[in-house]
Amino acid sequence: MESVDVQSVSQVLVAGDTPNDLRAGANAGVRYVAGVLTGAHDVATLSKEPHTHILASAATIPEVLGLDQSVTQ
């Protein structure tokens, strides 16, 4: 957050494919904690952890954030 001058955890999304990733995001108090299913663990495993979203792919993050994907590509 410091390196990109983000001042508030309410402006942060943590995405990860492991239970530890989701726990770290939740412990940091970020606004969004997204489990991503294209990695190490399945939906059953990630759903047991604190999260705001379980995503099929990190490619759907712009949609979660309400961003126009034509702008982000």
C-alpha atoms as a PDB file:
ATOM      1  CA  MET A   1       0.000   0.000   0.000  1.00  0.00           C
ATOM      2  CA  GLU A   2       2.819   2.360   0.847  1.00  0.00           C
ATOM      3  CA  SER A   3       4.594   1.943  -2.487  1.00  0.00           C
ATOM      4  CA  VAL A   4       1.488   3.016  -4.428  1.00  0.00           C
ATOM      5  CA  ASP A   5       0.340   5.612  -1.878  1.00  0.00           C
ATOM      6  CA  VAL A   6      -2.894   3.874  -0.886  1.00  0.00           C
ATOM      7  CA  GLN A   7      -3.976   5.437   2.384  1.00  0.00           C
ATOM      8  CA  SER A   8      -6.901   3.224   3.389  1.00  0.00           C
ATOM      9  CA  VAL A   9      -7.511  -0.520   3.529  1.00  0.00           C
ATOM     10  CA  SER A  10     -11.024   0.244   2.274  1.00  0.00           C
ATOM     11  CA  GLN A  11      -9.383   0.801  -1.130  1.00  0.00           C
ATOM     12  CA  VAL A  12      -7.706  -2.620  -1.243  1.00  0.00           C
ATOM     13  CA  LEU A  13      -8.637  -5.977  -2.768  1.00  0.00           C
ATOM     14  CA  VAL A  14      -6.660  -9.062  -1.812  1.00  0.00           C
ATOM     15  CA  ALA A  15      -6.974 -12.008  -4.186  1.00  0.00           C
ATOM     16  CA  GLY A  16      -5.423 -15.382  -3.575  1.00  0.00           C
ATOM     17  CA  ASP A  17      -5.711 -19.080  -4.187  1.00  0.00           C
ATOM     18  CA  THR A  18      -4.834 -20.379  -0.712  1.00  0.00           C
ATOM     19  CA  PRO A  19      -6.504 -20.261   2.693  1.00  0.00           C
ATOM     20  CA  ASN A  20      -3.526 -18.269   4.007  1.00  0.00           C
ATOM     21  CA  ASP A  21      -4.062 -15.608   1.322  1.00  0.00           C
ATOM     22  CA  LEU A  22      -7.673 -15.146   2.391  1.00  0.00           C
ATOM     23  CA  ARG A  23      -6.807 -15.075   6.081  1.00  0.00           C
ATOM     24  CA  ALA A  24      -4.110 -12.471   5.457  1.00  0.00           C
ATOM     25  CA  GLY A  25      -6.546 -10.226   3.609  1.00  0.00           C
ATOM     26  CA  ALA A  26      -9.170 -10.587   6.317  1.00  0.00           C
ATOM     27  CA  ASN A  27      -6.603  -9.920   9.045  1.00  0.00           C
ATOM     28  CA  ALA A  28      -5.489  -6.777   7.223  1.00  0.00           C
ATOM     29  CA  GLY A  29      -9.089  -5.553   7.182  1.00  0.00           C
ATOM     30  CA  VAL A  30      -9.224  -4.907   3.446  1.00  0.00           C
ATOM     31  CA  ARG A  31     -12.494  -4.168   1.693  1.00  0.00           C
ATOM     32  CA  TYR A  32     -12.477  -7.183  -0.622  1.00  0.00           C
ATOM     33  CA  VAL A  33     -11.028 -10.641   0.006  1.00  0.00           C
ATOM     34  CA  ALA A  34     -11.364 -12.785  -3.099  1.00  0.00           C
ATOM     35  CA  GLY A  35     -10.585 -16.458  -3.382  1.00  0.00           C
ATOM     36  CA  VAL A  36      -9.510 -17.394  -6.897  1.00  0.00           C
ATOM     37  CA  LEU A  37     -10.236 -20.908  -8.161  1.00  0.00           C
ATOM     38  CA  THR A  38      -7.595 -21.041 -10.897  1.00  0.00           C
ATOM     39  CA  GLY A  39      -4.891 -21.956  -8.416  1.00  0.00           C
ATOM     40  CA  ALA A  40      -4.090 -24.345  -5.636  1.00  0.00           C
ATOM     41  CA  HIS A  41      -7.470 -24.927  -3.946  1.00  0.00           C
ATOM     42  CA  ASP A  42     -11.106 -25.608  -4.769  1.00  0.00           C
ATOM     43  CA  VAL A  43     -14.288 -23.773  -3.813  1.00  0.00           C
ATOM     44  CA  ALA A  44     -14.981 -26.051  -0.831  1.00  0.00           C
ATOM     45  CA  THR A  45     -11.600 -25.258   0.713  1.00  0.00           C
ATOM     46  CA  LEU A  46     -11.617 -21.526   0.039  1.00  0.00           C
ATOM     47  CA  SER A  47     -15.246 -21.066   1.109  1.00  0.00           C
ATOM     48  CA  LYS A  48     -14.327 -22.119   4.655  1.00  0.00           C
ATOM     49  CA  GLU A  49     -12.095 -19.046   4.989  1.00  0.00           C
ATOM     50  CA  PRO A  50     -13.106 -15.409   5.491  1.00  0.00           C
ATOM     51  CA  HIS A  51     -13.889 -13.906   2.087  1.00  0.00           C
ATOM     52  CA  THR A  52     -16.128 -11.469   0.268  1.00  0.00           C
ATOM     53  CA  HIS A  53     -15.968 -13.264  -3.083  1.00  0.00           C
ATOM     54  CA  ILE A  54     -15.010 -16.612  -4.588  1.00  0.00           C
ATOM     55  CA  LEU A  55     -14.034 -16.046  -8.222  1.00  0.00           C
ATOM     56  CA  ALA A  56     -13.617 -18.509 -11.062  1.00  0.00           C
ATOM     57  CA  SER A  57     -10.698 -16.435 -12.305  1.00  0.00           C
ATOM     58  CA  ALA A  58      -8.736 -13.307 -11.418  1.00  0.00           C
ATOM     59  CA  ALA A  59      -9.956 -11.999 -14.776  1.00  0.00           C
ATOM     60  CA  THR A  60     -13.306 -11.218 -13.119  1.00  0.00           C
ATOM     61  CA  ILE A  61     -11.792  -8.793 -10.591  1.00  0.00           C
ATOM     62  CA  PRO A  62     -12.649  -5.717 -12.706  1.00  0.00           C
ATOM     63  CA  GLU A  63     -16.282  -6.829 -12.702  1.00  0.00           C
ATOM     64  CA  VAL A  64     -16.242  -7.168  -8.894  1.00  0.00           C
ATOM     65  CA  LEU A  65     -14.899  -3.628  -8.675  1.00  0.00           C
ATOM     66  CA  GLY A  66     -17.508  -2.316 -11.103  1.00  0.00           C
ATOM     67  CA  LEU A  67     -14.868  -1.329 -13.655  1.00  0.00           C
ATOM     68  CA  ASP A  68     -15.431  -1.147 -17.371  1.00  0.00           C
ATOM     69  CA  GLN A  69     -13.189  -3.930 -18.704  1.00  0.00           C
ATOM     70  CA  SER A  70     -12.557  -2.026 -21.937  1.00  0.00           C
ATOM     71  CA  VAL A  71     -10.717   0.551 -19.818  1.00  0.00           C
ATOM     72  CA  THR A  72      -8.576  -2.051 -18.002  1.00  0.00           C
ATOM     73  CA  GLN A  73      -7.460  -3.997 -21.079  1.00  0.00           C
END
